[in-house]
C-alpha atoms as a PDB file:
ATOM      1  CA  MET A   1       3.698 -18.800  18.877  1.00  0.00           C
ATOM      2  CA  ARG A   2       6.406 -16.165  18.962  1.00  0.00           C
ATOM      3  CA  ALA A   3       6.622 -13.552  21.673  1.00  0.00           C
ATOM      4  CA  ALA A   4       4.756 -10.309  21.062  1.00  0.00           C
ATOM      5  CA  ALA A   5       8.079  -8.562  20.404  1.00  0.00           C
ATOM      6  CA  ASP A   6       8.548 -10.777  17.343  1.00  0.00           C
ATOM      7  CA  ARG A   7       5.062 -10.222  15.968  1.00  0.00           C
ATOM      8  CA  LEU A   8       4.347  -7.628  13.305  1.00  0.00           C
ATOM      9  CA  LEU A   9       0.826  -6.354  12.783  1.00  0.00           C
ATOM     10  CA  ILE A  10      -0.132  -5.551   9.195  1.00  0.00           C
ATOM     11  CA  ALA A  11      -2.448  -2.599   9.691  1.00  0.00           C
ATOM     12  CA  THR A  12      -4.815  -2.949   6.767  1.00  0.00           C
ATOM     13  CA  GLY A  13      -8.371  -4.140   6.359  1.00  0.00           C
ATOM     14  CA  ASN A  14      -7.956  -4.387   2.586  1.00  0.00           C
ATOM     15  CA  PRO A  15      -7.623  -8.084   1.594  1.00  0.00           C
ATOM     16  CA  GLY A  16      -5.584  -7.251  -1.513  1.00  0.00           C
ATOM     17  CA  LYS A  17      -3.072  -5.171   0.426  1.00  0.00           C
ATOM     18  CA  TRP A  18      -2.921  -7.843   3.126  1.00  0.00           C
ATOM     19  CA  ARG A  19      -1.936 -10.512   0.582  1.00  0.00           C
ATOM     20  CA  GLU A  20       0.684  -8.322  -1.056  1.00  0.00           C
ATOM     21  CA  LEU A  21       2.241  -7.080   2.177  1.00  0.00           C
ATOM     22  CA  ARG A  22       2.353 -10.563   3.683  1.00  0.00           C
ATOM     23  CA  ALA A  23       4.176 -11.851   0.580  1.00  0.00           C
ATOM     24  CA  LEU A  24       6.547  -8.879   0.509  1.00  0.00           C
ATOM     25  CA  LEU A  25       7.479  -9.436   4.171  1.00  0.00           C
ATOM     26  CA  GLU A  26       8.530 -13.055   3.646  1.00  0.00           C
ATOM     27  CA  GLY A  27      12.023 -13.786   4.931  1.00  0.00           C
ATOM     28  CA  LEU A  28      12.019 -11.091   7.610  1.00  0.00           C
ATOM     29  CA  PRO A  29      12.246 -12.243  11.263  1.00  0.00           C
ATOM     30  CA  PHE A  30       8.597 -11.564  12.100  1.00  0.00           C
ATOM     31  CA  GLU A  31       5.445 -13.556  12.577  1.00  0.00           C
ATOM     32  CA  VAL A  32       2.846 -11.431  10.806  1.00  0.00           C
ATOM     33  CA  ALA A  33      -0.594 -10.839  12.270  1.00  0.00           C
ATOM     34  CA  GLY A  34      -3.779  -9.226  11.006  1.00  0.00           C
ATOM     35  CA  LEU A  35      -6.078  -6.636  12.524  1.00  0.00           C
ATOM     36  CA  ALA A  36      -8.828  -9.202  13.145  1.00  0.00           C
ATOM     37  CA  GLU A  37      -6.600 -11.151  15.562  1.00  0.00           C
ATOM     38  CA  TYR A  38      -6.477  -8.131  17.858  1.00  0.00           C
ATOM     39  CA  ALA A  39      -9.974  -6.762  17.139  1.00  0.00           C
ATOM     40  CA  VAL A  40      -8.444  -3.543  15.815  1.00  0.00           C
ATOM     41  CA  ALA A  41     -10.734  -1.493  13.590  1.00  0.00           C
ATOM     42  CA  SER A  42      -9.303   0.634  10.797  1.00  0.00           C
ATOM     43  CA  PRO A  43      -9.360   4.340  11.726  1.00  0.00           C
ATOM     44  CA  GLU A  44     -10.905   7.066   9.617  1.00  0.00           C
ATOM     45  CA  GLU A  45      -8.307   8.287   7.125  1.00  0.00           C
ATOM     46  CA  THR A  46      -8.325  12.016   7.799  1.00  0.00           C
ATOM     47  CA  GLY A  47      -4.770  12.830   6.689  1.00  0.00           C
ATOM     48  CA  ALA A  48      -4.052  15.340   3.954  1.00  0.00           C
ATOM     49  CA  THR A  49      -1.343  13.133   2.413  1.00  0.00           C
ATOM     50  CA  LEU A  50      -0.550   9.447   1.977  1.00  0.00           C
ATOM     51  CA  ARG A  51       2.212   9.802   4.563  1.00  0.00           C
ATOM     52  CA  ASP A  52      -0.193  11.346   7.059  1.00  0.00           C
ATOM     53  CA  ASN A  53      -2.638   8.467   6.628  1.00  0.00           C
ATOM     54  CA  ALA A  54       0.020   5.762   6.808  1.00  0.00           C
ATOM     55  CA  LEU A  55       1.339   7.207  10.075  1.00  0.00           C
ATOM     56  CA  LEU A  56      -2.198   7.596  11.431  1.00  0.00           C
ATOM     57  CA  LYS A  57      -3.027   3.950  10.702  1.00  0.00           C
ATOM     58  CA  ALA A  58       0.280   2.699  12.126  1.00  0.00           C
ATOM     59  CA  ARG A  59      -0.058   4.669  15.361  1.00  0.00           C
ATOM     60  CA  HIS A  60      -3.672   3.619  15.820  1.00  0.00           C
ATOM     61  CA  ALA A  61      -2.837  -0.062  15.365  1.00  0.00           C
ATOM     62  CA  ARG A  62       0.196   0.048  17.671  1.00  0.00           C
ATOM     63  CA  ALA A  63      -1.784   1.796  20.424  1.00  0.00           C
ATOM     64  CA  ALA A  64      -4.539  -0.807  20.162  1.00  0.00           C
ATOM     65  CA  SER A  65      -2.299  -3.898  19.974  1.00  0.00           C
ATOM     66  CA  GLY A  66       1.030  -3.074  21.615  1.00  0.00           C
ATOM     67  CA  LEU A  67       2.801  -4.685  18.649  1.00  0.00           C
ATOM     68  CA  ALA A  68       5.246  -3.490  16.060  1.00  0.00           C
ATOM     69  CA  VAL A  69       3.178  -2.365  13.072  1.00  0.00           C
ATOM     70  CA  ILE A  70       3.502  -1.884   9.350  1.00  0.00           C
ATOM     71  CA  ALA A  71       0.947   0.327   7.623  1.00  0.00           C
ATOM     72  CA  ASP A  72       0.454   1.399   4.043  1.00  0.00           C
ATOM     73  CA  ASP A  73      -1.372   4.208   2.325  1.00  0.00           C
ATOM     74  CA  SER A  74      -1.512   4.212  -1.436  1.00  0.00           C
ATOM     75  CA  GLY A  75      -3.139   6.263  -4.135  1.00  0.00           C
ATOM     76  CA  LEU A  76      -3.524   6.741  -7.850  1.00  0.00           C
ATOM     77  CA  GLU A  77      -2.512  10.067  -9.386  1.00  0.00           C
ATOM     78  CA  VAL A  78      -3.793  10.936 -12.860  1.00  0.00           C
ATOM     79  CA  ASP A  79      -2.095  13.894 -14.541  1.00  0.00           C
ATOM     80  CA  ALA A  80      -5.159  14.907 -16.586  1.00  0.00           C
ATOM     81  CA  LEU A  81      -7.158  15.095 -13.326  1.00  0.00           C
ATOM     82  CA  ASP A  82      -4.587  17.286 -11.562  1.00  0.00           C
ATOM     83  CA  GLY A  83      -3.403  14.368  -9.471  1.00  0.00           C
ATOM     84  CA  ALA A  84      -6.829  13.048  -8.493  1.00  0.00           C
ATOM     85  CA  PRO A  85      -7.995  10.770  -7.005  1.00  0.00           C
ATOM     86  CA  GLY A  86      -4.758  10.843  -4.976  1.00  0.00           C
ATOM     87  CA  VAL A  87      -5.207  10.543  -1.234  1.00  0.00           C
ATOM     88  CA  ARG A  88      -8.936   9.920  -1.807  1.00  0.00           C
ATOM     89  CA  SER A  89      -8.357   6.937  -4.104  1.00  0.00           C
ATOM     90  CA  ALA A  90     -10.163   4.421  -1.876  1.00  0.00           C
ATOM     91  CA  ARG A  91     -13.212   6.691  -1.598  1.00  0.00           C
ATOM     92  CA  TYR A  92     -13.135   8.479  -4.948  1.00  0.00           C
ATOM     93  CA  ALA A  93     -16.791   7.620  -5.612  1.00  0.00           C
ATOM     94  CA  GLY A  94     -17.755   8.259  -1.976  1.00  0.00           C
ATOM     95  CA  LEU A  95     -17.193   6.819   1.474  1.00  0.00           C
ATOM     96  CA  GLY A  96     -17.495   3.041   1.337  1.00  0.00           C
ATOM     97  CA  ALA A  97     -17.323   2.965  -2.471  1.00  0.00           C
ATOM     98  CA  SER A  98     -16.457  -0.344  -4.119  1.00  0.00           C
ATOM     99  CA  ASP A  99     -13.589  -0.815  -6.552  1.00  0.00           C
ATOM    100  CA  ALA A 100     -16.136  -0.980  -9.383  1.00  0.00           C
ATOM    101  CA  GLN A 101     -17.686   2.334  -8.348  1.00  0.00           C
ATOM    102  CA  ASN A 102     -14.315   4.060  -8.053  1.00  0.00           C
ATOM    103  CA  ASN A 103     -13.249   2.733 -11.450  1.00  0.00           C
ATOM    104  CA  ALA A 104     -16.510   3.849 -13.056  1.00  0.00           C
ATOM    105  CA  ARG A 105     -16.002   7.368 -11.759  1.00  0.00           C
ATOM    106  CA  LEU A 106     -12.408   7.383 -12.988  1.00  0.00           C
ATOM    107  CA  VAL A 107     -13.396   6.303 -16.501  1.00  0.00           C
ATOM    108  CA  ALA A 108     -16.187   8.905 -16.590  1.00  0.00           C
ATOM    109  CA  ALA A 109     -13.820  11.662 -15.436  1.00  0.00           C
ATOM    110  CA  LEU A 110     -11.451  10.825 -18.309  1.00  0.00           C
ATOM    111  CA  ALA A 111     -14.130  10.727 -21.017  1.00  0.00           C
ATOM    112  CA  GLY A 112     -12.745  12.394 -24.150  1.00  0.00           C
ATOM    113  CA  VAL A 113      -9.170  12.524 -22.852  1.00  0.00           C
ATOM    114  CA  PRO A 114      -6.846  10.994 -25.486  1.00  0.00           C
ATOM    115  CA  PRO A 115      -4.490   8.130 -24.586  1.00  0.00           C
ATOM    116  CA  GLU A 116      -1.373  10.298 -24.682  1.00  0.00           C
ATOM    117  CA  ARG A 117      -2.796  12.498 -21.904  1.00  0.00           C
ATOM    118  CA  ARG A 118      -3.748   9.643 -19.567  1.00  0.00           C
ATOM    119  CA  ALA A 119      -0.427   9.290 -17.768  1.00  0.00           C
ATOM    120  CA  ALA A 120      -0.842   8.125 -14.185  1.00  0.00           C
ATOM    121  CA  ARG A 121       1.072   6.614 -11.330  1.00  0.00           C
ATOM    122  CA  TYR A 122       0.440   4.629  -8.228  1.00  0.00           C
ATOM    123  CA  ARG A 123       2.165   5.917  -5.107  1.00  0.00           C
ATOM    124  CA  CYS A 124       2.731   4.059  -1.852  1.00  0.00           C
ATOM    125  CA  VAL A 125       3.965   5.134   1.557  1.00  0.00           C
ATOM    126  CA  LEU A 126       4.917   2.376   4.010  1.00  0.00           C
ATOM    127  CA  VAL A 127       5.433   3.056   7.698  1.00  0.00           C
ATOM    128  CA  TYR A 128       7.055   0.665  10.181  1.00  0.00           C
ATOM    129  CA  LEU A 129       6.559   1.460  13.869  1.00  0.00           C
ATOM    130  CA  PRO A 130       8.479  -0.591  16.449  1.00  0.00           C
ATOM    131  CA  ALA A 131       6.514  -1.786  19.472  1.00  0.00           C
ATOM    132  CA  ASP A 132       8.422   0.697  21.640  1.00  0.00           C
ATOM    133  CA  PRO A 133       6.404   3.959  21.566  1.00  0.00           C
ATOM    134  CA  ALA A 134       9.623   5.954  21.997  1.00  0.00           C
ATOM    135  CA  ALA A 135      11.140   4.543  18.799  1.00  0.00           C
ATOM    136  CA  ALA A 136      11.062   6.555  15.595  1.00  0.00           C
ATOM    137  CA  PRO A 137       9.130   5.285  12.562  1.00  0.00           C
ATOM    138  CA  LEU A 138      10.799   4.004   9.416  1.00  0.00           C
ATOM    139  CA  ILE A 139       9.167   5.403   6.271  1.00  0.00           C
ATOM    140  CA  ALA A 140       9.628   4.286   2.664  1.00  0.00           C
ATOM    141  CA  GLU A 141       7.965   5.389  -0.562  1.00  0.00           C
ATOM    142  CA  GLY A 142       7.521   3.936  -4.023  1.00  0.00           C
ATOM    143  CA  ALA A 143       5.920   4.918  -7.332  1.00  0.00           C
ATOM    144  CA  TRP A 144       4.754   2.987 -10.415  1.00  0.00           C
ATOM    145  CA  GLU A 145       4.205   4.753 -13.730  1.00  0.00           C
ATOM    146  CA  GLY A 146       1.402   3.793 -16.090  1.00  0.00           C
ATOM    147  CA  ARG A 147      -1.562   4.983 -18.137  1.00  0.00           C
ATOM    148  CA  ILE A 148      -5.315   4.726 -17.628  1.00  0.00           C
ATOM    149  CA  VAL A 149      -7.403   2.736 -20.131  1.00  0.00           C
ATOM    150  CA  ASP A 150     -11.197   2.703 -20.403  1.00  0.00           C
ATOM    151  CA  ALA A 151     -11.772  -1.014 -20.861  1.00  0.00           C
ATOM    152  CA  PRO A 152     -10.823  -3.156 -17.830  1.00  0.00           C
ATOM    153  CA  ARG A 153      -8.345  -5.954 -18.457  1.00  0.00           C
ATOM    154  CA  GLY A 154      -7.385  -8.803 -16.154  1.00  0.00           C
ATOM    155  CA  ALA A 155      -8.885 -10.471 -13.114  1.00  0.00           C
ATOM    156  CA  ALA A 156      -5.998 -10.238 -10.635  1.00  0.00           C
ATOM    157  CA  GLY A 157      -5.106  -7.345  -8.362  1.00  0.00           C
ATOM    158  CA  PHE A 158      -7.560  -4.915  -6.845  1.00  0.00           C
ATOM    159  CA  GLY A 159      -8.451  -1.233  -6.820  1.00  0.00           C
ATOM    160  CA  TYR A 160      -7.692   0.480 -10.124  1.00  0.00           C
ATOM    161  CA  ASP A 161      -5.500  -2.374 -11.400  1.00  0.00           C
ATOM    162  CA  PRO A 162      -7.788  -3.414 -14.321  1.00  0.00           C
ATOM    163  CA  HIS A 163      -7.524   0.120 -15.750  1.00  0.00           C
ATOM    164  CA  PHE A 164      -3.828   0.746 -14.963  1.00  0.00           C
ATOM    165  CA  LEU A 165      -1.845  -0.087 -18.079  1.00  0.00           C
ATOM    166  CA  VAL A 166       1.888  -0.674 -17.646  1.00  0.00           C
ATOM    167  CA  PRO A 167       3.289   0.350 -21.057  1.00  0.00           C
ATOM    168  CA  ASP A 168       6.667  -1.346 -20.571  1.00  0.00           C
ATOM    169  CA  LEU A 169       4.910  -4.692 -20.018  1.00  0.00           C
ATOM    170  CA  GLY A 170       2.013  -4.189 -22.429  1.00  0.00           C
ATOM    171  CA  CYS A 171      -0.577  -5.249 -19.858  1.00  0.00           C
ATOM    172  CA  THR A 172      -2.589  -3.891 -16.980  1.00  0.00           C
ATOM    173  CA  ALA A 173      -1.679  -4.398 -13.338  1.00  0.00           C
ATOM    174  CA  ALA A 174      -4.613  -6.807 -13.096  1.00  0.00           C
ATOM    175  CA  GLU A 175      -3.063  -9.022 -15.795  1.00  0.00           C
ATOM    176  CA  LEU A 176       0.158  -9.564 -13.841  1.00  0.00           C
ATOM    177  CA  ASP A 177       0.682 -12.583 -11.635  1.00  0.00           C
ATOM    178  CA  PRO A 178       1.193 -11.641  -7.968  1.00  0.00           C
ATOM    179  CA  ALA A 179       4.930 -12.339  -7.918  1.00  0.00           C
ATOM    180  CA  CYS A 180       5.551 -10.151 -10.965  1.00  0.00           C
ATOM    181  CA  LYS A 181       3.370  -7.367  -9.610  1.00  0.00           C
ATOM    182  CA  ASN A 182       5.251  -7.403  -6.308  1.00  0.00           C
ATOM    183  CA  ARG A 183       8.547  -6.994  -8.168  1.00  0.00           C
ATOM    184  CA  VAL A 184       7.524  -3.918 -10.154  1.00  0.00           C
ATOM    185  CA  SER A 185       4.722  -2.197  -8.256  1.00  0.00           C
ATOM    186  CA  HIS A 186       4.794   0.925  -6.097  1.00  0.00           C
ATOM    187  CA  ARG A 187       4.292  -1.277  -3.029  1.00  0.00           C
ATOM    188  CA  GLY A 188       7.102  -3.580  -4.084  1.00  0.00           C
ATOM    189  CA  VAL A 189       9.481  -0.652  -4.595  1.00  0.00           C
ATOM    190  CA  ALA A 190       8.609   0.832  -1.188  1.00  0.00           C
ATOM    191  CA  MET A 191       8.968  -2.536   0.529  1.00  0.00           C
ATOM    192  CA  ARG A 192      12.440  -3.147  -0.905  1.00  0.00           C
ATOM    193  CA  VAL A 193      13.574   0.151   0.609  1.00  0.00           C
ATOM    194  CA  LEU A 194      11.890  -0.647   3.922  1.00  0.00           C
ATOM    195  CA  ARG A 195      13.299  -4.185   4.044  1.00  0.00           C
ATOM    196  CA  GLU A 196      16.832  -2.838   3.673  1.00  0.00           C
ATOM    197  CA  ARG A 197      16.246  -0.496   6.600  1.00  0.00           C
ATOM    198  CA  LEU A 198      14.645  -3.232   8.718  1.00  0.00           C
ATOM    199  CA  GLU A 199      17.529  -5.594   8.003  1.00  0.00           C
ATOM    200  CA  ARG A 200      20.032  -2.908   9.053  1.00  0.00           C
ATOM    201  CA  LEU A 201      17.983  -2.284  12.200  1.00  0.00           C
ATOM    202  CA  ASP A 202      17.940  -6.004  13.021  1.00  0.00           C
ATOM    203  CA  ALA A 203      21.678  -6.339  12.375  1.00  0.00           C
ATOM    204  CA  GLY A 204      22.362  -3.375  14.655  1.00  0.00           C
ATOM    205  CA  ALA A 205      20.245  -4.898  17.427  1.00  0.00           C
ATOM    206  CA  ARG A 206      22.142  -8.206  17.146  1.00  0.00           C
ATOM    207  CA  ASP A 207      25.469  -6.373  17.343  1.00  0.00           C
ATOM    208  CA  ARG A 208      24.378  -4.564  20.505  1.00  0.00           C
ATOM    209  CA  ARG A 209      23.458  -7.868  22.141  1.00  0.00           C
ATOM    210  CA  ARG A 210      26.923  -9.372  21.560  1.00  0.00           C
END
């Protein structure tokens, strides 16, 4: 097992996010760990923005584990709903709501709205916190444009993916294979930015040790 300094805690209790983040982190010099390994519970997401919640989750996990942490907060913004569900995407149908319940509420809220007015986007904020509490966070953001459809399509993905149509690809997010989704999604975009910053940080640390 690597030393704690080389371990990176993925601060999510969402199995879908865990799979995607673990895949997106491949090739970086970390041994990834999950919250269950350190008995860290997910905190209540009380932030007013995705960035607030991502920072909250990262700080909570680092304080509980002593490890470097990566945390994500993501949301779906629908133009016809004035940006809702937004920061409340995971609990759009209420605290503890399932994906099916959130999707049902979304479809009901868009009843009668024509296809051309169903523009939407996924947004993601990723936060990396080094193990050192004095170190500043690295923050990266990504967005993915699409449109909401009533009938679910596809069995992959999670969250609103079965209803999130990607016009350029002619399919929903839930119809994409994981590797393709990670290349084009909001989380994939944010992670590419974050990886570049992490690689520069690692290169700088190696230079200082020479």
